[in-house]
Amino acid sequence: MRFMLLMIPQGYETAAADAVPSVEQVAAMTAYNTALFESGVLIGGEGLHPPATGARISFADGKPRVVDGPFPQAKEMLGGYWMIDVASREVAIEWAKRCPASPNEIIEVRRVQEFEDFPPELQAAAGAEAAQA
């Protein structure tokens, strides 16, 4: 089963565009990423630039509206992610618990929706291409 581990750093929504982690944070996270890789569960993962460099596109009136970051009104922002392939939700949670996160960080564990998770009528609506993706 594939799971996303989503890193949500508190206060990140107003981080400066040039904000970077400390050398110690990078070293600790590199060791964690190496453990994920060496165990064979890591599919991919990346850190994200601060929200100040991003944009949000909303569709409230049926037309796209672009708002550039930062997003101080946001309560939570994604700081990075890992995609892992493990046997169960419990194993995914155990990997998340091993992360060298700081006290202001939260990791959300979410299972990836697979094509097979959908009922037959939705699979048919999605088409053969979706099954192969």
N, C-alpha and C. Protein backbone atom coordinates (compact mmCIF):
# COMPACT_ATOMS: atom_id res chain seq x y z
N MET A 1 0.85 -1.18 0.00
CA MET A 1 0.00 0.00 0.00
C MET A 1 0.89 1.24 0.00
N ARG A 2 0.48 2.19 -0.80
CA ARG A 2 1.24 3.44 -0.83
C ARG A 2 0.63 4.44 0.14
N PHE A 3 1.50 5.14 0.82
CA PHE A 3 1.09 6.19 1.76
C PHE A 3 1.93 7.42 1.51
N MET A 4 1.28 8.58 1.73
CA MET A 4 2.01 9.85 1.73
C MET A 4 2.20 10.25 3.18
N LEU A 5 3.41 10.62 3.52
CA LEU A 5 3.70 11.23 4.81
C LEU A 5 3.88 12.71 4.50
N LEU A 6 2.97 13.52 5.00
CA LEU A 6 2.94 14.95 4.68
C LEU A 6 3.49 15.75 5.85
N MET A 7 4.57 16.47 5.62
CA MET A 7 5.17 17.30 6.67
C MET A 7 4.47 18.64 6.71
N ILE A 8 3.94 18.98 7.89
CA ILE A 8 3.22 20.24 8.07
C ILE A 8 3.90 21.03 9.18
N PRO A 9 4.79 21.95 8.83
CA PRO A 9 5.46 22.76 9.84
C PRO A 9 4.59 23.94 10.27
N GLN A 10 4.39 24.09 11.54
CA GLN A 10 3.59 25.20 12.08
C GLN A 10 4.38 26.50 11.93
N GLY A 11 3.73 27.57 11.50
CA GLY A 11 4.38 28.86 11.30
C GLY A 11 5.01 29.01 9.94
N TYR A 12 4.98 27.97 9.13
CA TYR A 12 5.62 27.97 7.81
C TYR A 12 4.89 28.87 6.82
N GLU A 13 3.62 29.11 7.08
CA GLU A 13 2.82 29.90 6.14
C GLU A 13 3.35 31.32 5.94
N THR A 14 4.11 31.82 6.91
CA THR A 14 4.67 33.18 6.80
C THR A 14 6.19 33.17 6.70
N ALA A 15 6.79 32.00 6.42
CA ALA A 15 8.25 31.91 6.31
C ALA A 15 8.75 32.75 5.14
N ALA A 16 9.91 33.32 5.32
CA ALA A 16 10.53 34.12 4.25
C ALA A 16 10.82 33.25 3.04
N ALA A 17 10.81 33.85 1.88
CA ALA A 17 11.04 33.11 0.63
C ALA A 17 12.40 32.42 0.61
N ASP A 18 13.37 32.96 1.33
CA ASP A 18 14.71 32.37 1.33
C ASP A 18 15.01 31.54 2.58
N ALA A 19 13.98 31.17 3.34
CA ALA A 19 14.15 30.37 4.56
C ALA A 19 14.71 29.00 4.21
N VAL A 20 15.69 28.55 5.00
CA VAL A 20 16.28 27.22 4.82
C VAL A 20 16.45 26.56 6.19
N PRO A 21 16.47 25.24 6.23
CA PRO A 21 16.67 24.56 7.51
C PRO A 21 18.12 24.67 7.96
N SER A 22 18.35 24.31 9.21
CA SER A 22 19.71 24.34 9.75
C SER A 22 20.51 23.13 9.25
N VAL A 23 21.81 23.20 9.39
CA VAL A 23 22.68 22.09 9.01
C VAL A 23 22.30 20.84 9.80
N GLU A 24 22.00 21.01 11.07
CA GLU A 24 21.62 19.88 11.92
C GLU A 24 20.32 19.24 11.45
N GLN A 25 19.35 20.08 11.08
CA GLN A 25 18.08 19.55 10.58
C GLN A 25 18.28 18.77 9.29
N VAL A 26 19.11 19.30 8.40
CA VAL A 26 19.37 18.62 7.13
C VAL A 26 20.07 17.28 7.37
N ALA A 27 21.04 17.26 8.27
CA ALA A 27 21.76 16.02 8.57
C ALA A 27 20.82 14.96 9.15
N ALA A 28 19.96 15.36 10.09
CA ALA A 28 19.02 14.42 10.70
C ALA A 28 18.02 13.90 9.67
N MET A 29 17.52 14.78 8.82
CA MET A 29 16.54 14.37 7.82
C MET A 29 17.19 13.48 6.76
N THR A 30 18.45 13.76 6.43
CA THR A 30 19.17 12.91 5.47
C THR A 30 19.32 11.50 6.02
N ALA A 31 19.63 11.37 7.30
CA ALA A 31 19.75 10.05 7.92
C ALA A 31 18.40 9.31 7.88
N TYR A 32 17.32 10.02 8.14
CA TYR A 32 15.97 9.43 8.08
C TYR A 32 15.65 8.99 6.66
N ASN A 33 15.92 9.85 5.68
CA ASN A 33 15.66 9.51 4.29
C ASN A 33 16.49 8.30 3.85
N THR A 34 17.73 8.22 4.32
CA THR A 34 18.58 7.08 4.00
C THR A 34 18.00 5.80 4.58
N ALA A 35 17.48 5.86 5.81
CA ALA A 35 16.85 4.68 6.42
C ALA A 35 15.63 4.23 5.62
N LEU A 36 14.81 5.19 5.18
CA LEU A 36 13.65 4.86 4.35
C LEU A 36 14.11 4.19 3.05
N PHE A 37 15.12 4.75 2.42
CA PHE A 37 15.63 4.23 1.15
C PHE A 37 16.22 2.83 1.33
N GLU A 38 17.08 2.68 2.32
CA GLU A 38 17.75 1.40 2.54
C GLU A 38 16.78 0.29 2.94
N SER A 39 15.66 0.65 3.54
CA SER A 39 14.65 -0.35 3.92
C SER A 39 13.83 -0.80 2.71
N GLY A 40 13.91 -0.04 1.61
CA GLY A 40 13.17 -0.38 0.41
C GLY A 40 11.75 0.15 0.36
N VAL A 41 11.35 1.00 1.31
CA VAL A 41 9.97 1.50 1.32
C VAL A 41 9.81 2.85 0.63
N LEU A 42 10.89 3.58 0.44
CA LEU A 42 10.80 4.93 -0.11
C LEU A 42 10.58 4.90 -1.62
N ILE A 43 9.50 5.52 -2.05
CA ILE A 43 9.23 5.70 -3.48
C ILE A 43 9.75 7.06 -3.93
N GLY A 44 9.55 8.07 -3.09
CA GLY A 44 10.01 9.42 -3.42
C GLY A 44 9.68 10.37 -2.30
N GLY A 45 10.21 11.54 -2.39
CA GLY A 45 9.93 12.57 -1.39
C GLY A 45 10.76 13.80 -1.67
N GLU A 46 10.22 14.90 -1.28
CA GLU A 46 10.90 16.18 -1.52
C GLU A 46 10.46 17.19 -0.46
N GLY A 47 11.33 18.12 -0.17
CA GLY A 47 10.94 19.29 0.59
C GLY A 47 10.43 20.35 -0.38
N LEU A 48 9.65 21.26 0.12
CA LEU A 48 9.09 22.31 -0.72
C LEU A 48 9.63 23.67 -0.30
N HIS A 49 9.78 24.56 -1.27
CA HIS A 49 10.15 25.94 -0.96
C HIS A 49 9.04 26.56 -0.12
N PRO A 50 9.35 27.60 0.65
CA PRO A 50 8.34 28.25 1.49
C PRO A 50 7.14 28.76 0.68
N PRO A 51 5.98 28.86 1.32
CA PRO A 51 4.77 29.34 0.66
C PRO A 51 4.92 30.72 0.04
N ALA A 52 5.84 31.52 0.52
CA ALA A 52 6.04 32.87 -0.05
C ALA A 52 6.41 32.80 -1.52
N THR A 53 6.94 31.67 -1.98
CA THR A 53 7.33 31.52 -3.38
C THR A 53 6.23 30.86 -4.21
N GLY A 54 5.13 30.48 -3.56
CA GLY A 54 4.08 29.74 -4.25
C GLY A 54 2.90 30.59 -4.68
N ALA A 55 1.90 29.92 -5.18
CA ALA A 55 0.65 30.56 -5.59
C ALA A 55 -0.48 29.59 -5.30
N ARG A 56 -1.66 30.13 -5.07
CA ARG A 56 -2.87 29.34 -4.91
C ARG A 56 -3.86 29.77 -5.98
N ILE A 57 -4.51 28.78 -6.57
CA ILE A 57 -5.51 29.06 -7.59
C ILE A 57 -6.85 28.57 -7.07
N SER A 58 -7.80 29.48 -6.94
CA SER A 58 -9.14 29.12 -6.47
C SER A 58 -10.11 29.22 -7.64
N PHE A 59 -11.26 28.56 -7.49
CA PHE A 59 -12.25 28.49 -8.56
C PHE A 59 -13.64 28.82 -8.04
N ALA A 60 -13.72 29.67 -7.03
CA ALA A 60 -14.98 29.95 -6.35
C ALA A 60 -16.08 30.43 -7.29
N ASP A 61 -15.76 31.27 -8.25
CA ASP A 61 -16.79 31.79 -9.16
C ASP A 61 -16.77 31.08 -10.51
N GLY A 62 -16.11 29.92 -10.57
CA GLY A 62 -16.03 29.16 -11.81
C GLY A 62 -14.89 29.56 -12.71
N LYS A 63 -14.14 30.60 -12.31
CA LYS A 63 -12.98 31.05 -13.07
C LYS A 63 -11.76 30.97 -12.16
N PRO A 64 -10.61 30.62 -12.72
CA PRO A 64 -9.42 30.56 -11.89
C PRO A 64 -8.99 31.94 -11.40
N ARG A 65 -8.66 32.01 -10.12
CA ARG A 65 -8.16 33.24 -9.52
C ARG A 65 -6.85 32.90 -8.82
N VAL A 66 -5.77 33.59 -9.18
CA VAL A 66 -4.44 33.32 -8.65
C VAL A 66 -4.11 34.29 -7.53
N VAL A 67 -3.65 33.74 -6.41
CA VAL A 67 -3.17 34.55 -5.29
C VAL A 67 -1.75 34.09 -5.00
N ASP A 68 -0.81 35.04 -5.03
CA ASP A 68 0.58 34.72 -4.74
C ASP A 68 0.81 34.63 -3.23
N GLY A 69 1.76 33.76 -2.83
CA GLY A 69 2.13 33.63 -1.43
C GLY A 69 2.91 34.84 -0.97
N PRO A 70 3.08 35.00 0.32
CA PRO A 70 2.74 34.05 1.39
C PRO A 70 1.25 34.03 1.69
N PHE A 71 0.86 33.10 2.54
CA PHE A 71 -0.55 32.90 2.86
C PHE A 71 -0.74 32.97 4.38
N PRO A 72 -0.63 34.16 4.97
CA PRO A 72 -0.69 34.27 6.44
C PRO A 72 -2.02 33.83 7.03
N GLN A 73 -3.10 33.83 6.25
CA GLN A 73 -4.39 33.42 6.78
C GLN A 73 -4.52 31.90 6.86
N ALA A 74 -3.61 31.16 6.24
CA ALA A 74 -3.67 29.70 6.25
C ALA A 74 -3.28 29.16 7.62
N LYS A 75 -3.93 28.10 8.03
CA LYS A 75 -3.61 27.49 9.32
C LYS A 75 -2.51 26.46 9.19
N GLU A 76 -2.47 25.74 8.08
CA GLU A 76 -1.46 24.71 7.87
C GLU A 76 -0.97 24.75 6.43
N MET A 77 0.32 24.53 6.26
CA MET A 77 0.93 24.52 4.93
C MET A 77 1.80 23.28 4.81
N LEU A 78 1.87 22.73 3.64
CA LEU A 78 2.71 21.56 3.38
C LEU A 78 4.15 22.01 3.20
N GLY A 79 5.05 21.36 3.93
CA GLY A 79 6.47 21.70 3.83
C GLY A 79 7.26 20.68 3.03
N GLY A 80 6.70 19.50 2.85
CA GLY A 80 7.37 18.45 2.10
C GLY A 80 6.58 17.16 2.24
N TYR A 81 7.09 16.11 1.60
CA TYR A 81 6.37 14.84 1.64
C TYR A 81 7.31 13.67 1.38
N TRP A 82 6.86 12.50 1.77
CA TRP A 82 7.48 11.24 1.39
C TRP A 82 6.38 10.36 0.84
N MET A 83 6.67 9.60 -0.18
CA MET A 83 5.78 8.56 -0.68
C MET A 83 6.45 7.25 -0.33
N ILE A 84 5.74 6.42 0.43
CA ILE A 84 6.31 5.13 0.83
C ILE A 84 5.36 4.00 0.44
N ASP A 85 5.91 2.82 0.32
CA ASP A 85 5.13 1.62 0.00
C ASP A 85 5.37 0.63 1.12
N VAL A 86 4.35 0.42 1.94
CA VAL A 86 4.45 -0.46 3.10
C VAL A 86 3.23 -1.37 3.18
N ALA A 87 3.28 -2.32 4.10
CA ALA A 87 2.22 -3.33 4.20
C ALA A 87 0.93 -2.82 4.82
N SER A 88 1.00 -1.76 5.63
CA SER A 88 -0.20 -1.35 6.35
C SER A 88 -0.10 0.10 6.83
N ARG A 89 -1.23 0.62 7.25
CA ARG A 89 -1.29 1.96 7.86
C ARG A 89 -0.41 2.02 9.10
N GLU A 90 -0.44 0.96 9.88
CA GLU A 90 0.36 0.92 11.11
C GLU A 90 1.86 1.04 10.81
N VAL A 91 2.31 0.37 9.77
CA VAL A 91 3.73 0.46 9.40
C VAL A 91 4.05 1.88 8.93
N ALA A 92 3.15 2.48 8.17
CA ALA A 92 3.36 3.87 7.73
C ALA A 92 3.46 4.80 8.94
N ILE A 93 2.61 4.60 9.91
CA ILE A 93 2.65 5.42 11.12
C ILE A 93 3.97 5.21 11.87
N GLU A 94 4.44 3.99 11.93
CA GLU A 94 5.71 3.72 12.61
C GLU A 94 6.86 4.46 11.92
N TRP A 95 6.85 4.48 10.59
CA TRP A 95 7.89 5.24 9.88
C TRP A 95 7.75 6.74 10.17
N ALA A 96 6.54 7.25 10.20
CA ALA A 96 6.33 8.68 10.50
C ALA A 96 6.84 9.01 11.90
N LYS A 97 6.64 8.13 12.83
CA LYS A 97 7.08 8.36 14.21
C LYS A 97 8.60 8.41 14.33
N ARG A 98 9.30 7.81 13.38
CA ARG A 98 10.77 7.81 13.40
C ARG A 98 11.37 9.09 12.83
N CYS A 99 10.57 9.92 12.20
CA CYS A 99 11.06 11.14 11.58
C CYS A 99 11.66 12.08 12.64
N PRO A 100 12.80 12.69 12.34
CA PRO A 100 13.41 13.63 13.29
C PRO A 100 12.76 15.02 13.21
N ALA A 101 11.45 15.05 13.30
CA ALA A 101 10.71 16.31 13.21
C ALA A 101 10.96 17.16 14.45
N SER A 102 10.85 18.47 14.26
CA SER A 102 10.99 19.38 15.39
C SER A 102 9.63 19.57 16.07
N PRO A 103 9.61 20.16 17.25
CA PRO A 103 8.35 20.31 17.99
C PRO A 103 7.26 21.09 17.25
N ASN A 104 7.62 21.90 16.27
CA ASN A 104 6.61 22.67 15.54
C ASN A 104 6.13 21.97 14.26
N GLU A 105 6.48 20.70 14.10
CA GLU A 105 6.11 19.98 12.88
C GLU A 105 5.14 18.83 13.18
N ILE A 106 4.25 18.60 12.24
CA ILE A 106 3.27 17.53 12.31
C ILE A 106 3.43 16.71 11.04
N ILE A 107 3.28 15.40 11.15
CA ILE A 107 3.26 14.57 9.94
C ILE A 107 1.88 13.94 9.83
N GLU A 108 1.25 14.17 8.71
CA GLU A 108 -0.04 13.56 8.41
C GLU A 108 0.21 12.34 7.53
N VAL A 109 -0.39 11.20 7.89
CA VAL A 109 -0.23 9.96 7.14
C VAL A 109 -1.52 9.72 6.37
N ARG A 110 -1.41 9.62 5.04
CA ARG A 110 -2.60 9.42 4.19
C ARG A 110 -2.33 8.33 3.18
N ARG A 111 -3.26 7.40 3.07
CA ARG A 111 -3.14 6.33 2.08
C ARG A 111 -3.47 6.90 0.70
N VAL A 112 -2.71 6.45 -0.29
CA VAL A 112 -2.94 6.86 -1.67
C VAL A 112 -4.11 6.05 -2.21
N GLN A 113 -5.02 6.71 -2.88
CA GLN A 113 -6.17 6.05 -3.47
C GLN A 113 -5.73 5.30 -4.73
N GLU A 114 -5.92 4.02 -4.71
CA GLU A 114 -5.56 3.18 -5.86
C GLU A 114 -6.79 2.98 -6.74
N PHE A 115 -6.57 2.68 -8.00
CA PHE A 115 -7.66 2.45 -8.94
C PHE A 115 -8.59 1.35 -8.42
N GLU A 116 -8.01 0.32 -7.85
CA GLU A 116 -8.78 -0.82 -7.35
C GLU A 116 -9.66 -0.46 -6.15
N ASP A 117 -9.42 0.67 -5.51
CA ASP A 117 -10.22 1.10 -4.37
C ASP A 117 -11.60 1.60 -4.79
N PHE A 118 -11.77 1.92 -6.06
CA PHE A 118 -13.04 2.46 -6.55
C PHE A 118 -14.00 1.35 -6.94
N PRO A 119 -15.30 1.57 -6.78
CA PRO A 119 -16.28 0.57 -7.23
C PRO A 119 -16.25 0.47 -8.76
N PRO A 120 -16.76 -0.65 -9.29
CA PRO A 120 -16.68 -0.90 -10.74
C PRO A 120 -17.22 0.23 -11.61
N GLU A 121 -18.32 0.88 -11.21
CA GLU A 121 -18.87 1.95 -12.05
C GLU A 121 -17.94 3.15 -12.14
N LEU A 122 -17.20 3.44 -11.08
CA LEU A 122 -16.23 4.53 -11.13
C LEU A 122 -15.00 4.12 -11.93
N GLN A 123 -14.59 2.87 -11.81
CA GLN A 123 -13.48 2.38 -12.62
C GLN A 123 -13.82 2.50 -14.10
N ALA A 124 -15.05 2.14 -14.45
CA ALA A 124 -15.49 2.22 -15.85
C ALA A 124 -15.51 3.67 -16.31
N ALA A 125 -15.96 4.58 -15.46
CA ALA A 125 -16.01 6.00 -15.82
C ALA A 125 -14.61 6.57 -16.02
N ALA A 126 -13.66 6.10 -15.24
CA ALA A 126 -12.27 6.58 -15.35
C ALA A 126 -11.60 6.05 -16.61
N GLY A 127 -11.98 4.88 -17.05
CA GLY A 127 -11.44 4.32 -18.28
C GLY A 127 -10.17 3.50 -18.07
N ALA A 128 -9.80 2.83 -19.13
CA ALA A 128 -8.64 1.92 -19.10
C ALA A 128 -7.34 2.67 -18.83
N GLU A 129 -7.24 3.92 -19.31
CA GLU A 129 -6.01 4.68 -19.10
C GLU A 129 -5.73 4.89 -17.62
N ALA A 130 -6.78 5.13 -16.84
CA ALA A 130 -6.60 5.35 -15.41
C ALA A 130 -6.09 4.10 -14.72
N ALA A 131 -6.52 2.94 -15.17
CA ALA A 131 -6.09 1.68 -14.57
C ALA A 131 -4.60 1.46 -14.80
N GLN A 132 -4.08 1.98 -15.92
CA GLN A 132 -2.68 1.79 -16.25
C GLN A 132 -1.79 2.85 -15.63
N ALA A 133 -2.36 3.96 -15.22
CA ALA A 133 -1.56 5.07 -14.68
C ALA A 133 -0.98 4.76 -13.33
